[in-house]
Amino acid sequence: MVGCSGSYPGPDSVASCYLLEAEERGRVWRVLLDLGNGALGELHKYADPLAIDAVLLSHLHADHCLDLCGYYVMRKYHPTGPQPRIPVWGPPDTAGRMARAYDLPSNPGMTEEFEFKAYSGPFSIGPFAIVPVPVDHPVDAFGLRVTVGGATIGYSGDTGPCDGLDRVAAGVQLFLAEASFRLGDANPPNVHLTGTDCGDAASRACVERLVLTHVPPWFDKEHALAEARSVFSGQIELAEPGATYDL
C-alpha cells in the first residue's frame, strides 16, 4: 500500500497507488495500480521507481493518475540518462490526458517515455495476468483483476455499485475496494461506494479478505469499517500506507 487516501492526499496518506510484486524467471516484476498525486515520492520508500515494469491506471482523475507527470520527468531527465519506455495502461486518450496535465504538445507528449495502451481485454505483464473490467463512474473507469499463479487481487478503482464491481470481486483472495461515501448521506448515484456497498459486494463474491481504501480525509475511516462489518463476516481491514499482503 503506497497511498490510499481518497479524492486527494490526506494528512496520513498520499493518493491512490498500490505496488504489486511477483517473481518470475529469476527476477522480481513490479507493477503499479494507479499513481495518484503525491504517490511517486512515497513509492521511493518501497521500491526503486526506475524498476517499475508497468503502470495500470484505473481512470484519469488526478488522485489516480497525476503523479505520472513527475514520473515522466524522472524517466526523461534522470542523471543516468533517459530510461527505457514502459507500458502505461489506461482508458482511451490516456496519452492526451497526461500531455495536457503537464502542458506538453500532444506530439510527442509523454510517448517517448511511456508506451500508452488502452484497455480492450485481458493482457499480461511478466507473471501478472490482468483483466480490466468497466465500472460505473462519471468518466471511463475500470476495475482490475490481477492474477499470479493461483492468487487473484480485485481492485475496484472508483465506482458505484454495478455488475462490473461484482465481476472484479468474484472469488478473489484480496478485494481492494474504495469506500468514499457513507450510508445515509445524500450521495450522488454512479460515483462511489459506501462501506456497506463494499461489504455487500464482498459477501456476494465470497472474497477471502476485504481491504477498504480511498476513504476521503474528511471522513472517519472507522465508520467505513463498521459499515462493511455489518454486512460482511469475513476478514476485513482498512488500508494503511506501508501495509504489505503476501498471497
C-alpha atoms as a PDB file:
ATOM      1  CA  MET A   1       0.000   0.000   0.000  1.00  0.00           C
ATOM      2  CA  VAL A   2       1.831   3.107  -1.241  1.00  0.00           C
ATOM      3  CA  GLY A   3      -1.105   5.515  -0.991  1.00  0.00           C
ATOM      4  CA  CYS A   4      -4.749   5.036  -0.030  1.00  0.00           C
ATOM      5  CA  SER A   5      -6.278   8.467   0.599  1.00  0.00           C
ATOM      6  CA  GLY A   6      -9.486   9.198  -1.285  1.00  0.00           C
ATOM      7  CA  SER A   7     -10.012  12.167  -3.602  1.00  0.00           C
ATOM      8  CA  TYR A   8      -6.801  13.971  -2.599  1.00  0.00           C
ATOM      9  CA  PRO A   9      -3.693  13.348  -0.456  1.00  0.00           C
ATOM     10  CA  GLY A  10      -4.529  13.468   3.242  1.00  0.00           C
ATOM     11  CA  PRO A  11      -2.533  14.044   6.424  1.00  0.00           C
ATOM     12  CA  ASP A  12      -1.856  10.325   6.838  1.00  0.00           C
ATOM     13  CA  SER A  13      -1.512   9.121   3.254  1.00  0.00           C
ATOM     14  CA  VAL A  14      -0.914  10.196  -0.324  1.00  0.00           C
ATOM     15  CA  ALA A  15      -3.479   9.411  -3.009  1.00  0.00           C
ATOM     16  CA  SER A  16      -4.092   6.038  -4.638  1.00  0.00           C
ATOM     17  CA  CYS A  17      -1.130   3.837  -5.523  1.00  0.00           C
ATOM     18  CA  TYR A  18      -0.584   0.116  -4.944  1.00  0.00           C
ATOM     19  CA  LEU A  19       2.618  -1.789  -5.703  1.00  0.00           C
ATOM     20  CA  LEU A  20       2.391  -5.407  -6.876  1.00  0.00           C
ATOM     21  CA  GLU A  21       5.490  -7.599  -6.891  1.00  0.00           C
ATOM     22  CA  ALA A  22       5.954 -11.162  -8.147  1.00  0.00           C
ATOM     23  CA  GLU A  23       8.938 -13.293  -9.084  1.00  0.00           C
ATOM     24  CA  GLU A  24       9.352 -14.949 -12.462  1.00  0.00           C
ATOM     25  CA  ARG A  25      12.358 -16.064 -14.495  1.00  0.00           C
ATOM     26  CA  GLY A  26      14.828 -15.162 -11.772  1.00  0.00           C
ATOM     27  CA  ARG A  27      13.736 -11.579 -11.168  1.00  0.00           C
ATOM     28  CA  VAL A  28      11.066  -9.532  -9.397  1.00  0.00           C
ATOM     29  CA  TRP A  29       8.447  -7.903 -11.610  1.00  0.00           C
ATOM     30  CA  ARG A  30       6.778  -4.727 -10.320  1.00  0.00           C
ATOM     31  CA  VAL A  31       3.501  -3.162 -11.438  1.00  0.00           C
ATOM     32  CA  LEU A  32       1.717  -0.106 -10.066  1.00  0.00           C
ATOM     33  CA  LEU A  33      -2.048   0.114  -9.748  1.00  0.00           C
ATOM     34  CA  ASP A  34      -2.637   3.865 -10.130  1.00  0.00           C
ATOM     35  CA  LEU A  35      -0.180   6.691  -9.465  1.00  0.00           C
ATOM     36  CA  GLY A  36      -2.179   9.442  -7.784  1.00  0.00           C
ATOM     37  CA  ASN A  37      -0.962  12.807  -6.584  1.00  0.00           C
ATOM     38  CA  GLY A  38       1.835  12.505  -4.034  1.00  0.00           C
ATOM     39  CA  ALA A  39       2.430   8.815  -4.703  1.00  0.00           C
ATOM     40  CA  LEU A  40       5.695   8.967  -6.622  1.00  0.00           C
ATOM     41  CA  GLY A  41       7.635  10.380  -3.675  1.00  0.00           C
ATOM     42  CA  GLU A  42       6.150   7.806  -1.326  1.00  0.00           C
ATOM     43  CA  LEU A  43       6.993   4.988  -3.739  1.00  0.00           C
ATOM     44  CA  HIS A  44      10.701   5.554  -3.053  1.00  0.00           C
ATOM     45  CA  LYS A  45      10.180   4.001   0.396  1.00  0.00           C
ATOM     46  CA  TYR A  46       9.193   0.646  -1.085  1.00  0.00           C
ATOM     47  CA  ALA A  47      10.881   0.245  -4.486  1.00  0.00           C
ATOM     48  CA  ASP A  48      13.189   1.952  -6.933  1.00  0.00           C
ATOM     49  CA  PRO A  49      10.770   3.869  -9.191  1.00  0.00           C
ATOM     50  CA  LEU A  50      13.045   3.088 -12.142  1.00  0.00           C
ATOM     51  CA  ALA A  51      12.479  -0.645 -11.536  1.00  0.00           C
ATOM     52  CA  ILE A  52       8.735  -0.496 -12.285  1.00  0.00           C
ATOM     53  CA  ASP A  53       7.685  -2.631 -15.256  1.00  0.00           C
ATOM     54  CA  ALA A  54       4.267  -1.078 -15.967  1.00  0.00           C
ATOM     55  CA  VAL A  55       1.623   1.300 -14.634  1.00  0.00           C
ATOM     56  CA  LEU A  56      -2.085   0.433 -14.718  1.00  0.00           C
ATOM     57  CA  LEU A  57      -4.390   3.437 -14.358  1.00  0.00           C
ATOM     58  CA  SER A  58      -7.963   2.712 -13.287  1.00  0.00           C
ATOM     59  CA  HIS A  59      -9.148   6.107 -14.590  1.00  0.00           C
ATOM     60  CA  LEU A  60      -7.902   9.607 -15.273  1.00  0.00           C
ATOM     61  CA  HIS A  61      -8.881  11.619 -12.209  1.00  0.00           C
ATOM     62  CA  ALA A  62      -5.956  13.383 -10.547  1.00  0.00           C
ATOM     63  CA  ASP A  63      -5.949  11.249  -7.400  1.00  0.00           C
ATOM     64  CA  HIS A  64      -5.302   8.180  -9.549  1.00  0.00           C
ATOM     65  CA  CYS A  65      -3.010   9.368 -12.339  1.00  0.00           C
ATOM     66  CA  LEU A  66      -1.431  12.782 -11.792  1.00  0.00           C
ATOM     67  CA  ASP A  67       1.979  11.673 -10.490  1.00  0.00           C
ATOM     68  CA  LEU A  68       2.642  10.205 -13.904  1.00  0.00           C
ATOM     69  CA  CYS A  69       3.763  13.791 -14.633  1.00  0.00           C
ATOM     70  CA  GLY A  70       6.601  13.574 -12.124  1.00  0.00           C
ATOM     71  CA  TYR A  71       7.369  10.052 -13.283  1.00  0.00           C
ATOM     72  CA  TYR A  72       7.716  11.376 -16.836  1.00  0.00           C
ATOM     73  CA  VAL A  73      10.279  13.933 -15.627  1.00  0.00           C
ATOM     74  CA  MET A  74      12.164  11.276 -13.671  1.00  0.00           C
ATOM     75  CA  ARG A  75      12.381   8.877 -16.595  1.00  0.00           C
ATOM     76  CA  LYS A  76      13.235  11.577 -19.155  1.00  0.00           C
ATOM     77  CA  TYR A  77      15.826  13.592 -17.226  1.00  0.00           C
ATOM     78  CA  HIS A  78      17.365  11.098 -14.790  1.00  0.00           C
ATOM     79  CA  PRO A  79      21.132  11.671 -14.414  1.00  0.00           C
ATOM     80  CA  THR A  80      21.829   8.124 -15.590  1.00  0.00           C
ATOM     81  CA  GLY A  81      20.146   9.026 -18.885  1.00  0.00           C
ATOM     82  CA  PRO A  82      16.694   8.607 -20.430  1.00  0.00           C
ATOM     83  CA  GLN A  83      15.067   5.400 -19.244  1.00  0.00           C
ATOM     84  CA  PRO A  84      13.518   2.718 -21.473  1.00  0.00           C
ATOM     85  CA  ARG A  85       9.837   3.130 -22.315  1.00  0.00           C
ATOM     86  CA  ILE A  86       7.469   1.187 -20.124  1.00  0.00           C
ATOM     87  CA  PRO A  87       3.795   0.431 -20.795  1.00  0.00           C
ATOM     88  CA  VAL A  88       1.114   2.597 -19.206  1.00  0.00           C
ATOM     89  CA  TRP A  89      -2.328   1.046 -19.495  1.00  0.00           C
ATOM     90  CA  GLY A  90      -5.482   3.098 -19.049  1.00  0.00           C
ATOM     91  CA  PRO A  91      -8.724   4.334 -20.590  1.00  0.00           C
ATOM     92  CA  PRO A  92      -8.799   5.773 -24.117  1.00  0.00           C
ATOM     93  CA  ASP A  93      -6.822   9.017 -24.550  1.00  0.00           C
ATOM     94  CA  THR A  94      -4.583   8.461 -21.538  1.00  0.00           C
ATOM     95  CA  ALA A  95      -1.689   9.818 -23.620  1.00  0.00           C
ATOM     96  CA  GLY A  96      -3.580  13.001 -24.435  1.00  0.00           C
ATOM     97  CA  ARG A  97      -4.779  13.493 -20.867  1.00  0.00           C
ATOM     98  CA  MET A  98      -1.264  13.232 -19.484  1.00  0.00           C
ATOM     99  CA  ALA A  99       0.200  15.549 -22.122  1.00  0.00           C
ATOM    100  CA  ARG A 100      -2.390  18.176 -21.170  1.00  0.00           C
ATOM    101  CA  ALA A 101      -1.688  17.648 -17.470  1.00  0.00           C
ATOM    102  CA  TYR A 102       1.963  18.642 -17.966  1.00  0.00           C
ATOM    103  CA  ASP A 103       1.213  21.259 -20.651  1.00  0.00           C
ATOM    104  CA  LEU A 104       3.065  19.302 -23.339  1.00  0.00           C
ATOM    105  CA  PRO A 105       2.289  19.274 -27.045  1.00  0.00           C
ATOM    106  CA  SER A 106       0.270  16.181 -27.854  1.00  0.00           C
ATOM    107  CA  ASN A 107       3.034  15.025 -30.189  1.00  0.00           C
ATOM    108  CA  PRO A 108       5.177  13.595 -28.708  1.00  0.00           C
ATOM    109  CA  GLY A 109       3.641  14.319 -25.283  1.00  0.00           C
ATOM    110  CA  MET A 110       4.937  11.582 -22.982  1.00  0.00           C
ATOM    111  CA  THR A 111       5.021   8.901 -25.674  1.00  0.00           C
ATOM    112  CA  GLU A 112       8.823   8.781 -25.776  1.00  0.00           C
ATOM    113  CA  GLU A 113       8.871   7.771 -22.091  1.00  0.00           C
ATOM    114  CA  PHE A 114       5.711   5.658 -21.919  1.00  0.00           C
ATOM    115  CA  GLU A 115       4.051   3.215 -24.290  1.00  0.00           C
ATOM    116  CA  PHE A 116       0.383   4.088 -23.802  1.00  0.00           C
ATOM    117  CA  LYS A 117      -2.109   1.274 -24.243  1.00  0.00           C
ATOM    118  CA  ALA A 118      -5.909   1.388 -23.946  1.00  0.00           C
ATOM    119  CA  TYR A 119      -7.773  -1.373 -22.141  1.00  0.00           C
ATOM    120  CA  SER A 120      -9.519  -3.675 -24.607  1.00  0.00           C
ATOM    121  CA  GLY A 121      -9.376  -7.106 -22.978  1.00  0.00           C
ATOM    122  CA  PRO A 122      -7.135  -9.384 -20.894  1.00  0.00           C
ATOM    123  CA  PHE A 123      -3.362  -8.971 -21.147  1.00  0.00           C
ATOM    124  CA  SER A 124      -0.187  -9.999 -19.332  1.00  0.00           C
ATOM    125  CA  ILE A 125       2.899  -8.296 -17.934  1.00  0.00           C
ATOM    126  CA  GLY A 126       5.514 -10.844 -16.889  1.00  0.00           C
ATOM    127  CA  PRO A 127       3.797 -13.111 -14.331  1.00  0.00           C
ATOM    128  CA  PHE A 128       0.769 -10.810 -13.951  1.00  0.00           C
ATOM    129  CA  ALA A 129      -2.406 -11.745 -15.829  1.00  0.00           C
ATOM    130  CA  ILE A 130      -4.696  -8.710 -15.869  1.00  0.00           C
ATOM    131  CA  VAL A 131      -8.395  -8.435 -16.667  1.00  0.00           C
ATOM    132  CA  PRO A 132      -9.778  -4.875 -16.916  1.00  0.00           C
ATOM    133  CA  VAL A 133     -13.495  -4.549 -16.189  1.00  0.00           C
ATOM    134  CA  PRO A 134     -15.533  -1.402 -16.977  1.00  0.00           C
ATOM    135  CA  VAL A 135     -17.164   0.045 -13.858  1.00  0.00           C
ATOM    136  CA  ASP A 136     -19.595   2.876 -13.087  1.00  0.00           C
ATOM    137  CA  HIS A 137     -18.017   6.322 -12.643  1.00  0.00           C
ATOM    138  CA  PRO A 138     -18.537   9.736 -14.310  1.00  0.00           C
ATOM    139  CA  VAL A 139     -15.508   9.129 -16.566  1.00  0.00           C
ATOM    140  CA  ASP A 140     -14.242   5.992 -18.315  1.00  0.00           C
ATOM    141  CA  ALA A 141     -13.170   3.810 -15.408  1.00  0.00           C
ATOM    142  CA  PHE A 142     -12.019   0.240 -14.877  1.00  0.00           C
ATOM    143  CA  GLY A 143     -11.735  -2.197 -12.046  1.00  0.00           C
ATOM    144  CA  LEU A 144      -8.837  -4.630 -12.337  1.00  0.00           C
ATOM    145  CA  ARG A 145      -8.395  -8.327 -11.611  1.00  0.00           C
ATOM    146  CA  VAL A 146      -4.727  -9.286 -11.314  1.00  0.00           C
ATOM    147  CA  THR A 147      -3.709 -12.954 -11.065  1.00  0.00           C
ATOM    148  CA  VAL A 148      -0.346 -14.588 -10.395  1.00  0.00           C
ATOM    149  CA  GLY A 149      -0.431 -18.367 -10.164  1.00  0.00           C
ATOM    150  CA  GLY A 150      -3.425 -19.240  -8.015  1.00  0.00           C
ATOM    151  CA  ALA A 151      -3.778 -15.853  -6.312  1.00  0.00           C
ATOM    152  CA  THR A 152      -6.037 -13.045  -7.542  1.00  0.00           C
ATOM    153  CA  ILE A 153      -6.453  -9.475  -6.344  1.00  0.00           C
ATOM    154  CA  GLY A 154      -9.546  -7.476  -7.266  1.00  0.00           C
ATOM    155  CA  TYR A 155      -9.225  -3.680  -7.310  1.00  0.00           C
ATOM    156  CA  SER A 156     -12.444  -1.710  -7.587  1.00  0.00           C
ATOM    157  CA  GLY A 157     -10.921   1.550  -8.782  1.00  0.00           C
ATOM    158  CA  ASP A 158     -13.601   4.231  -8.335  1.00  0.00           C
ATOM    159  CA  THR A 159     -17.137   3.071  -9.000  1.00  0.00           C
ATOM    160  CA  GLY A 160     -20.703   2.980  -7.864  1.00  0.00           C
ATOM    161  CA  PRO A 161     -22.368  -0.394  -7.296  1.00  0.00           C
ATOM    162  CA  CYS A 162     -22.595  -2.230 -10.619  1.00  0.00           C
ATOM    163  CA  ASP A 163     -22.264  -5.616 -12.277  1.00  0.00           C
ATOM    164  CA  GLY A 164     -18.658  -4.790 -13.151  1.00  0.00           C
ATOM    165  CA  LEU A 165     -17.795  -4.459  -9.477  1.00  0.00           C
ATOM    166  CA  ASP A 166     -19.139  -7.959  -8.825  1.00  0.00           C
ATOM    167  CA  ARG A 167     -17.049  -9.307 -11.718  1.00  0.00           C
ATOM    168  CA  VAL A 168     -13.924  -7.691 -10.259  1.00  0.00           C
ATOM    169  CA  ALA A 169     -14.558  -9.175  -6.807  1.00  0.00           C
ATOM    170  CA  ALA A 170     -15.677 -12.694  -7.764  1.00  0.00           C
ATOM    171  CA  GLY A 171     -13.793 -15.242  -5.645  1.00  0.00           C
ATOM    172  CA  VAL A 172     -10.639 -13.147  -5.124  1.00  0.00           C
ATOM    173  CA  GLN A 173      -8.176 -13.692  -2.286  1.00  0.00           C
ATOM    174  CA  LEU A 174      -7.939  -9.937  -1.658  1.00  0.00           C
ATOM    175  CA  PHE A 175     -10.573  -7.371  -2.630  1.00  0.00           C
ATOM    176  CA  LEU A 176      -9.292  -3.794  -2.534  1.00  0.00           C
ATOM    177  CA  ALA A 177     -12.445  -1.688  -2.540  1.00  0.00           C
ATOM    178  CA  GLU A 178     -12.953   2.057  -2.353  1.00  0.00           C
ATOM    179  CA  ALA A 179     -15.253   3.326   0.418  1.00  0.00           C
ATOM    180  CA  SER A 180     -15.627   7.035  -0.322  1.00  0.00           C
ATOM    181  CA  PHE A 181     -19.270   7.514   0.702  1.00  0.00           C
ATOM    182  CA  ARG A 182     -21.289   6.924   3.883  1.00  0.00           C
ATOM    183  CA  LEU A 183     -24.615   5.142   4.115  1.00  0.00           C
ATOM    184  CA  GLY A 184     -27.442   7.588   4.800  1.00  0.00           C
ATOM    185  CA  ASP A 185     -25.807  10.645   3.244  1.00  0.00           C
ATOM    186  CA  ALA A 186     -27.276  12.306   0.143  1.00  0.00           C
ATOM    187  CA  ASN A 187     -24.788  10.561  -2.136  1.00  0.00           C
ATOM    188  CA  PRO A 188     -24.966  11.151  -5.903  1.00  0.00           C
ATOM    189  CA  PRO A 189     -25.512   7.940  -7.870  1.00  0.00           C
ATOM    190  CA  ASN A 190     -22.934   6.204 -10.059  1.00  0.00           C
ATOM    191  CA  VAL A 191     -19.855   7.718  -8.421  1.00  0.00           C
ATOM    192  CA  HIS A 192     -18.530   5.871  -5.346  1.00  0.00           C
ATOM    193  CA  LEU A 193     -19.172   3.066  -2.854  1.00  0.00           C
ATOM    194  CA  THR A 194     -20.145   3.174   0.797  1.00  0.00           C
ATOM    195  CA  GLY A 195     -18.602   0.802   3.307  1.00  0.00           C
ATOM    196  CA  THR A 196     -21.889  -1.084   3.178  1.00  0.00           C
ATOM    197  CA  ASP A 197     -21.647  -1.388  -0.613  1.00  0.00           C
ATOM    198  CA  CYS A 198     -18.128  -2.811  -0.245  1.00  0.00           C
ATOM    199  CA  GLY A 199     -19.249  -5.353   2.336  1.00  0.00           C
ATOM    200  CA  ASP A 200     -22.254  -6.378   0.266  1.00  0.00           C
ATOM    201  CA  ALA A 201     -20.084  -6.901  -2.823  1.00  0.00           C
ATOM    202  CA  ALA A 202     -17.519  -8.885  -0.819  1.00  0.00           C
ATOM    203  CA  SER A 203     -20.232 -11.091   0.610  1.00  0.00           C
ATOM    204  CA  ARG A 204     -21.845 -11.774  -2.770  1.00  0.00           C
ATOM    205  CA  ALA A 205     -18.456 -12.527  -4.317  1.00  0.00           C
ATOM    206  CA  CYS A 206     -17.236 -14.784  -1.475  1.00  0.00           C
ATOM    207  CA  VAL A 207     -13.917 -12.942  -1.208  1.00  0.00           C
ATOM    208  CA  GLU A 208     -11.365 -14.132   1.328  1.00  0.00           C
ATOM    209  CA  ARG A 209     -10.209 -10.720   2.522  1.00  0.00           C
ATOM    210  CA  LEU A 210     -11.682  -7.230   2.128  1.00  0.00           C
ATOM    211  CA  VAL A 211      -9.437  -4.172   2.393  1.00  0.00           C
ATOM    212  CA  LEU A 212     -11.189  -0.790   2.393  1.00  0.00           C
ATOM    213  CA  THR A 213      -9.342   2.045   0.723  1.00  0.00           C
ATOM    214  CA  HIS A 214      -9.849   5.545  -0.764  1.00  0.00           C
ATOM    215  CA  VAL A 215     -11.649   6.958   2.287  1.00  0.00           C
ATOM    216  CA  PRO A 216     -11.500  10.777   1.946  1.00  0.00           C
ATOM    217  CA  PRO A 217      -9.702  12.686   4.724  1.00  0.00           C
ATOM    218  CA  TRP A 218     -12.950  14.411   5.740  1.00  0.00           C
ATOM    219  CA  PHE A 219     -14.451  11.100   6.913  1.00  0.00           C
ATOM    220  CA  ASP A 220     -13.567   8.786   9.796  1.00  0.00           C
ATOM    221  CA  LYS A 221     -12.228   5.544   8.302  1.00  0.00           C
ATOM    222  CA  GLU A 222     -13.600   3.584  11.238  1.00  0.00           C
ATOM    223  CA  HIS A 223     -17.113   4.485  10.106  1.00  0.00           C
ATOM    224  CA  ALA A 224     -16.486   2.802   6.744  1.00  0.00           C
ATOM    225  CA  LEU A 225     -15.088  -0.233   8.541  1.00  0.00           C
ATOM    226  CA  ALA A 226     -18.132  -0.503  10.811  1.00  0.00           C
ATOM    227  CA  GLU A 227     -20.476  -0.274   7.824  1.00  0.00           C
ATOM    228  CA  ALA A 228     -18.676  -3.047   5.961  1.00  0.00           C
ATOM    229  CA  ARG A 229     -18.540  -5.274   9.042  1.00  0.00           C
ATOM    230  CA  SER A 230     -22.305  -5.004   9.445  1.00  0.00           C
ATOM    231  CA  VAL A 231     -22.832  -6.932   6.190  1.00  0.00           C
ATOM    232  CA  PHE A 232     -19.616  -8.937   5.655  1.00  0.00           C
ATOM    233  CA  SER A 233     -18.499 -11.601   8.137  1.00  0.00           C
ATOM    234  CA  GLY A 234     -15.133 -12.377   6.525  1.00  0.00           C
ATOM    235  CA  GLN A 235     -11.696 -10.889   7.159  1.00  0.00           C
ATOM    236  CA  ILE A 236     -11.780  -7.125   6.759  1.00  0.00           C
ATOM    237  CA  GLU A 237      -9.468  -4.198   7.476  1.00  0.00           C
ATOM    238  CA  LEU A 238      -8.583  -0.661   6.486  1.00  0.00           C
ATOM    239  CA  ALA A 239      -5.816   0.085   4.002  1.00  0.00           C
ATOM    240  CA  GLU A 240      -2.798   1.728   5.619  1.00  0.00           C
ATOM    241  CA  PRO A 241       0.303   3.154   3.926  1.00  0.00           C
ATOM    242  CA  GLY A 242       3.152   0.645   4.045  1.00  0.00           C
ATOM    243  CA  ALA A 243       0.919  -2.367   4.704  1.00  0.00           C
ATOM    244  CA  THR A 244       2.056  -5.484   2.831  1.00  0.00           C
ATOM    245  CA  TYR A 245      -0.034  -8.502   1.830  1.00  0.00           C
ATOM    246  CA  ASP A 246       1.557 -11.806   0.805  1.00  0.00           C
ATOM    247  CA  LEU A 247      -0.600 -14.043  -1.376  1.00  0.00           C
END
